Amino acid sequence: MPELSSKDPEDLYYDMSVSIGAFFFEGVATEKQQDIISDFEAAELDRDCKGMKKHLALLEKQKGVTDGDYVGLAKKHTKALRQRVNLVCPAGGARRRRSEAGRSEAAPETTGF
């Protein structure tokens, strides 16, 4: 599970993609969890905060696998996803587009002339 090493939105989205991929390893998640994470991934790719929050809430309600080597791994990745979604999405779940995420970096600084 990726540790939080940066609060940069692009790094957070990369970490989310790592967690998303983990759900598709055999024995990590149930088929229902995989269906939900697929919808979450579509929202993540669109930078759709409302969609990510919706599918993450559904994912958090699901029971994970109960036997095997990866019991609890989906729950840890779900927790990591929640942490990152809370950082990249503004309160209220408004949609945030890619162009908005990098806008502050691209804007020239003013010197107060």
N, C-alpha and C. Protein backbone atom coordinates (compact mmCIF):
# COMPACT_ATOMS: atom_id res chain seq x y z
N MET A 1 0.85 -1.17 0.00
CA MET A 1 0.00 0.00 0.00
C MET A 1 0.89 1.23 0.00
N PRO A 2 0.64 2.17 -0.90
CA PRO A 2 1.50 3.36 -0.95
C PRO A 2 1.34 4.23 0.29
N GLU A 3 2.46 4.67 0.82
CA GLU A 3 2.42 5.58 1.95
C GLU A 3 2.28 7.00 1.43
N LEU A 4 1.68 7.85 2.21
CA LEU A 4 1.49 9.24 1.84
C LEU A 4 2.84 9.95 1.94
N SER A 5 3.40 10.30 0.79
CA SER A 5 4.70 10.94 0.78
C SER A 5 4.63 12.37 0.26
N SER A 6 3.49 12.73 -0.31
CA SER A 6 3.35 14.05 -0.90
C SER A 6 1.88 14.42 -0.91
N LYS A 7 1.60 15.71 -0.87
CA LYS A 7 0.23 16.18 -0.99
C LYS A 7 -0.02 16.79 -2.37
N ASP A 8 0.94 16.62 -3.27
CA ASP A 8 0.78 17.08 -4.64
C ASP A 8 -0.34 16.26 -5.29
N PRO A 9 -1.33 16.92 -5.90
CA PRO A 9 -2.46 16.18 -6.47
C PRO A 9 -2.06 15.07 -7.45
N GLU A 10 -1.10 15.32 -8.31
CA GLU A 10 -0.72 14.28 -9.27
C GLU A 10 -0.10 13.08 -8.57
N ASP A 11 0.68 13.31 -7.51
CA ASP A 11 1.22 12.20 -6.73
C ASP A 11 0.10 11.43 -6.04
N LEU A 12 -0.89 12.14 -5.55
CA LEU A 12 -2.02 11.49 -4.88
C LEU A 12 -2.83 10.65 -5.86
N TYR A 13 -3.04 11.17 -7.07
CA TYR A 13 -3.75 10.38 -8.09
C TYR A 13 -2.94 9.15 -8.48
N TYR A 14 -1.63 9.27 -8.56
CA TYR A 14 -0.79 8.11 -8.85
C TYR A 14 -0.93 7.06 -7.74
N ASP A 15 -0.88 7.50 -6.49
CA ASP A 15 -1.06 6.57 -5.36
C ASP A 15 -2.41 5.88 -5.44
N MET A 16 -3.45 6.62 -5.84
CA MET A 16 -4.78 6.01 -5.97
C MET A 16 -4.77 4.93 -7.04
N SER A 17 -4.05 5.16 -8.13
CA SER A 17 -4.02 4.15 -9.19
C SER A 17 -3.31 2.88 -8.71
N VAL A 18 -2.32 3.02 -7.84
CA VAL A 18 -1.65 1.85 -7.26
C VAL A 18 -2.64 1.05 -6.41
N SER A 19 -3.40 1.75 -5.58
CA SER A 19 -4.39 1.07 -4.73
C SER A 19 -5.49 0.43 -5.58
N ILE A 20 -5.93 1.12 -6.61
CA ILE A 20 -6.96 0.56 -7.50
C ILE A 20 -6.47 -0.75 -8.09
N GLY A 21 -5.23 -0.77 -8.57
CA GLY A 21 -4.68 -1.99 -9.17
C GLY A 21 -4.62 -3.15 -8.21
N ALA A 22 -4.41 -2.88 -6.93
CA ALA A 22 -4.31 -3.95 -5.94
C ALA A 22 -5.61 -4.74 -5.82
N PHE A 23 -6.73 -4.09 -6.06
CA PHE A 23 -8.02 -4.76 -5.95
C PHE A 23 -8.20 -5.87 -6.98
N PHE A 24 -7.40 -5.85 -8.04
CA PHE A 24 -7.58 -6.83 -9.11
C PHE A 24 -6.63 -8.02 -9.01
N PHE A 25 -5.79 -8.06 -7.98
CA PHE A 25 -4.98 -9.26 -7.74
C PHE A 25 -5.89 -10.33 -7.16
N GLU A 26 -5.71 -11.54 -7.59
CA GLU A 26 -6.54 -12.65 -7.12
C GLU A 26 -6.44 -12.80 -5.60
N GLY A 27 -7.59 -12.87 -4.97
CA GLY A 27 -7.65 -13.08 -3.54
C GLY A 27 -7.65 -11.82 -2.69
N VAL A 28 -7.56 -10.66 -3.32
CA VAL A 28 -7.53 -9.41 -2.55
C VAL A 28 -8.94 -8.88 -2.29
N ALA A 29 -9.79 -8.94 -3.27
CA ALA A 29 -11.12 -8.33 -3.16
C ALA A 29 -12.19 -9.26 -3.73
N THR A 30 -13.41 -9.01 -3.30
CA THR A 30 -14.54 -9.76 -3.84
C THR A 30 -14.88 -9.21 -5.22
N GLU A 31 -15.70 -9.96 -5.94
CA GLU A 31 -16.12 -9.50 -7.27
C GLU A 31 -16.91 -8.19 -7.17
N LYS A 32 -17.73 -8.07 -6.14
CA LYS A 32 -18.52 -6.84 -5.94
C LYS A 32 -17.58 -5.66 -5.67
N GLN A 33 -16.54 -5.87 -4.86
CA GLN A 33 -15.58 -4.79 -4.61
C GLN A 33 -14.88 -4.40 -5.91
N GLN A 34 -14.56 -5.38 -6.75
CA GLN A 34 -13.90 -5.08 -8.02
C GLN A 34 -14.82 -4.28 -8.94
N ASP A 35 -16.11 -4.60 -8.93
CA ASP A 35 -17.06 -3.82 -9.74
C ASP A 35 -17.11 -2.37 -9.28
N ILE A 36 -17.15 -2.18 -7.97
CA ILE A 36 -17.22 -0.82 -7.42
C ILE A 36 -15.92 -0.06 -7.70
N ILE A 37 -14.78 -0.73 -7.54
CA ILE A 37 -13.50 -0.05 -7.77
C ILE A 37 -13.33 0.31 -9.24
N SER A 38 -13.94 -0.46 -10.14
CA SER A 38 -13.91 -0.10 -11.57
C SER A 38 -14.64 1.22 -11.80
N ASP A 39 -15.79 1.37 -11.14
CA ASP A 39 -16.53 2.63 -11.25
C ASP A 39 -15.77 3.77 -10.59
N PHE A 40 -15.13 3.48 -9.46
CA PHE A 40 -14.30 4.48 -8.78
C PHE A 40 -13.17 4.92 -9.71
N GLU A 41 -12.54 3.97 -10.39
CA GLU A 41 -11.44 4.29 -11.29
C GLU A 41 -11.88 5.21 -12.42
N ALA A 42 -13.06 4.95 -12.97
CA ALA A 42 -13.58 5.82 -14.04
C ALA A 42 -13.76 7.25 -13.52
N ALA A 43 -14.27 7.38 -12.30
CA ALA A 43 -14.43 8.71 -11.71
C ALA A 43 -13.07 9.34 -11.43
N GLU A 44 -12.12 8.54 -10.98
CA GLU A 44 -10.78 9.04 -10.69
C GLU A 44 -10.10 9.56 -11.96
N LEU A 45 -10.24 8.84 -13.04
CA LEU A 45 -9.64 9.26 -14.31
C LEU A 45 -10.25 10.57 -14.82
N ASP A 46 -11.53 10.77 -14.52
CA ASP A 46 -12.21 12.01 -14.90
C ASP A 46 -12.01 13.13 -13.88
N ARG A 47 -11.34 12.80 -12.78
CA ARG A 47 -11.15 13.75 -11.67
C ARG A 47 -12.51 14.22 -11.15
N ASP A 48 -13.44 13.29 -11.09
CA ASP A 48 -14.81 13.54 -10.66
C ASP A 48 -14.92 13.24 -9.16
N CYS A 49 -14.77 14.26 -8.35
CA CYS A 49 -14.77 14.09 -6.89
C CYS A 49 -16.08 13.49 -6.38
N LYS A 50 -17.19 13.95 -6.90
CA LYS A 50 -18.48 13.44 -6.45
C LYS A 50 -18.58 11.94 -6.74
N GLY A 51 -18.16 11.52 -7.91
CA GLY A 51 -18.19 10.11 -8.27
C GLY A 51 -17.22 9.28 -7.44
N MET A 52 -16.03 9.83 -7.19
CA MET A 52 -15.06 9.10 -6.36
C MET A 52 -15.60 8.91 -4.96
N LYS A 53 -16.18 9.96 -4.38
CA LYS A 53 -16.72 9.86 -3.02
C LYS A 53 -17.88 8.87 -2.97
N LYS A 54 -18.73 8.90 -3.97
CA LYS A 54 -19.88 7.98 -4.02
C LYS A 54 -19.42 6.53 -4.03
N HIS A 55 -18.50 6.21 -4.93
CA HIS A 55 -18.06 4.82 -5.06
C HIS A 55 -17.18 4.38 -3.89
N LEU A 56 -16.46 5.31 -3.32
CA LEU A 56 -15.66 4.98 -2.15
C LEU A 56 -16.56 4.65 -0.96
N ALA A 57 -17.66 5.39 -0.80
CA ALA A 57 -18.62 5.11 0.27
C ALA A 57 -19.23 3.72 0.08
N LEU A 58 -19.55 3.36 -1.17
CA LEU A 58 -20.07 2.02 -1.45
C LEU A 58 -19.02 0.96 -1.13
N LEU A 59 -17.80 1.23 -1.49
CA LEU A 59 -16.70 0.29 -1.25
C LEU A 59 -16.49 0.07 0.25
N GLU A 60 -16.59 1.13 1.02
CA GLU A 60 -16.38 1.03 2.46
C GLU A 60 -17.47 0.19 3.14
N LYS A 61 -18.63 0.07 2.53
CA LYS A 61 -19.73 -0.73 3.10
C LYS A 61 -19.61 -2.22 2.77
N GLN A 62 -18.75 -2.57 1.83
CA GLN A 62 -18.63 -3.96 1.39
C GLN A 62 -17.80 -4.79 2.36
N LYS A 63 -18.18 -6.05 2.52
CA LYS A 63 -17.36 -6.98 3.28
C LYS A 63 -16.30 -7.53 2.34
N GLY A 64 -15.09 -7.62 2.84
CA GLY A 64 -13.98 -8.10 2.03
C GLY A 64 -13.85 -9.62 2.06
N VAL A 65 -12.77 -10.10 1.46
CA VAL A 65 -12.51 -11.54 1.47
C VAL A 65 -12.27 -11.98 2.92
N THR A 66 -12.65 -13.20 3.22
CA THR A 66 -12.56 -13.68 4.60
C THR A 66 -11.52 -14.77 4.79
N ASP A 67 -10.88 -15.21 3.72
CA ASP A 67 -9.82 -16.21 3.86
C ASP A 67 -8.75 -15.98 2.81
N GLY A 68 -7.61 -16.57 3.03
CA GLY A 68 -6.50 -16.42 2.09
C GLY A 68 -5.40 -15.53 2.65
N ASP A 69 -4.41 -15.31 1.81
CA ASP A 69 -3.23 -14.54 2.22
C ASP A 69 -3.46 -13.03 2.28
N TYR A 70 -4.53 -12.56 1.67
CA TYR A 70 -4.71 -11.11 1.54
C TYR A 70 -5.88 -10.55 2.32
N VAL A 71 -6.32 -11.27 3.35
CA VAL A 71 -7.43 -10.78 4.17
C VAL A 71 -7.04 -9.41 4.75
N GLY A 72 -7.90 -8.46 4.59
CA GLY A 72 -7.67 -7.12 5.13
C GLY A 72 -6.92 -6.17 4.21
N LEU A 73 -6.33 -6.67 3.14
CA LEU A 73 -5.57 -5.80 2.25
C LEU A 73 -6.48 -4.80 1.53
N ALA A 74 -7.65 -5.26 1.09
CA ALA A 74 -8.59 -4.34 0.42
C ALA A 74 -9.01 -3.23 1.37
N LYS A 75 -9.20 -3.56 2.64
CA LYS A 75 -9.59 -2.55 3.62
C LYS A 75 -8.49 -1.51 3.79
N LYS A 76 -7.23 -1.95 3.79
CA LYS A 76 -6.11 -1.01 3.92
C LYS A 76 -6.03 -0.09 2.70
N HIS A 77 -6.25 -0.66 1.52
CA HIS A 77 -6.22 0.17 0.31
C HIS A 77 -7.42 1.11 0.26
N THR A 78 -8.56 0.66 0.76
CA THR A 78 -9.73 1.52 0.83
C THR A 78 -9.45 2.71 1.75
N LYS A 79 -8.80 2.45 2.86
CA LYS A 79 -8.43 3.52 3.79
C LYS A 79 -7.46 4.51 3.12
N ALA A 80 -6.50 3.99 2.36
CA ALA A 80 -5.55 4.85 1.65
C ALA A 80 -6.28 5.69 0.59
N LEU A 81 -7.24 5.08 -0.10
CA LEU A 81 -8.01 5.83 -1.09
C LEU A 81 -8.80 6.95 -0.42
N ARG A 82 -9.41 6.67 0.72
CA ARG A 82 -10.19 7.69 1.44
C ARG A 82 -9.30 8.88 1.81
N GLN A 83 -8.11 8.58 2.30
CA GLN A 83 -7.18 9.63 2.70
C GLN A 83 -6.84 10.51 1.51
N ARG A 84 -6.56 9.91 0.38
CA ARG A 84 -6.17 10.67 -0.81
C ARG A 84 -7.33 11.43 -1.43
N VAL A 85 -8.51 10.81 -1.46
CA VAL A 85 -9.69 11.51 -1.97
C VAL A 85 -9.99 12.74 -1.11
N ASN A 86 -9.86 12.60 0.19
CA ASN A 86 -10.10 13.75 1.07
C ASN A 86 -9.11 14.88 0.81
N LEU A 87 -7.91 14.54 0.36
CA LEU A 87 -6.90 15.57 0.08
C LEU A 87 -7.10 16.24 -1.29
N VAL A 88 -7.51 15.47 -2.30
CA VAL A 88 -7.61 16.04 -3.65
C VAL A 88 -8.97 16.66 -3.94
N CYS A 89 -9.98 16.31 -3.15
CA CYS A 89 -11.32 16.83 -3.41
C CYS A 89 -11.70 17.89 -2.40
N PRO A 90 -12.21 19.00 -2.89
CA PRO A 90 -12.66 20.05 -1.98
C PRO A 90 -13.89 19.58 -1.20
N ALA A 91 -14.15 20.21 -0.08
CA ALA A 91 -15.33 19.88 0.71
C ALA A 91 -16.58 20.07 -0.13
N GLY A 92 -17.52 19.17 0.01
CA GLY A 92 -18.76 19.28 -0.74
C GLY A 92 -18.78 18.44 -2.00
N GLY A 93 -17.64 17.88 -2.38
CA GLY A 93 -17.60 16.95 -3.51
C GLY A 93 -17.69 17.58 -4.88
N ALA A 94 -17.37 18.85 -5.00
CA ALA A 94 -17.43 19.51 -6.31
C ALA A 94 -16.45 18.86 -7.27
N ARG A 95 -16.80 18.86 -8.52
CA ARG A 95 -15.93 18.28 -9.54
C ARG A 95 -14.72 19.18 -9.73
N ARG A 96 -13.57 18.57 -9.76
CA ARG A 96 -12.33 19.31 -9.96
C ARG A 96 -11.64 18.72 -11.19
N ARG A 97 -11.47 19.53 -12.19
CA ARG A 97 -10.88 19.06 -13.45
C ARG A 97 -9.37 19.16 -13.40
N ARG A 98 -8.73 18.41 -14.29
CA ARG A 98 -7.27 18.42 -14.36
C ARG A 98 -6.72 19.83 -14.55
N SER A 99 -7.36 20.61 -15.41
CA SER A 99 -6.86 21.95 -15.67
C SER A 99 -6.93 22.83 -14.43
N GLU A 100 -7.91 22.58 -13.56
CA GLU A 100 -8.02 23.35 -12.33
C GLU A 100 -6.96 22.93 -11.33
N ALA A 101 -6.61 21.64 -11.33
CA ALA A 101 -5.64 21.12 -10.35
C ALA A 101 -4.28 21.78 -10.52
N GLY A 102 -3.89 22.06 -11.75
CA GLY A 102 -2.57 22.63 -11.99
C GLY A 102 -2.59 24.12 -12.24
N ARG A 103 -3.73 24.74 -12.16
CA ARG A 103 -3.87 26.16 -12.52
C ARG A 103 -3.00 27.06 -11.64
N SER A 104 -2.94 26.81 -10.35
CA SER A 104 -2.18 27.70 -9.47
C SER A 104 -0.69 27.66 -9.78
N GLU A 105 -0.20 26.51 -10.23
CA GLU A 105 1.22 26.40 -10.59
C GLU A 105 1.53 27.14 -11.88
N ALA A 106 0.57 27.16 -12.79
CA ALA A 106 0.80 27.76 -14.10
C ALA A 106 0.59 29.28 -14.08
N ALA A 107 -0.11 29.79 -13.09
CA ALA A 107 -0.39 31.22 -13.05
C ALA A 107 0.88 32.00 -12.70
N PRO A 108 1.16 33.05 -13.45
CA PRO A 108 2.35 33.85 -13.15
C PRO A 108 2.17 34.63 -11.85
N GLU A 109 3.25 34.81 -11.16
CA GLU A 109 3.20 35.58 -9.92
C GLU A 109 3.15 37.06 -10.26
N THR A 110 2.43 37.80 -9.45
CA THR A 110 2.41 39.25 -9.63
C THR A 110 3.34 39.88 -8.61
N THR A 111 3.92 40.95 -8.98
CA THR A 111 4.88 41.62 -8.08
C THR A 111 4.30 42.86 -7.42
N GLY A 112 3.04 43.16 -7.72
CA GLY A 112 2.36 44.29 -7.09
C GLY A 112 2.69 45.63 -7.71
N PHE A 113 3.01 45.65 -9.00
CA PHE A 113 3.30 46.92 -9.68
C PHE A 113 2.12 47.81 -9.71
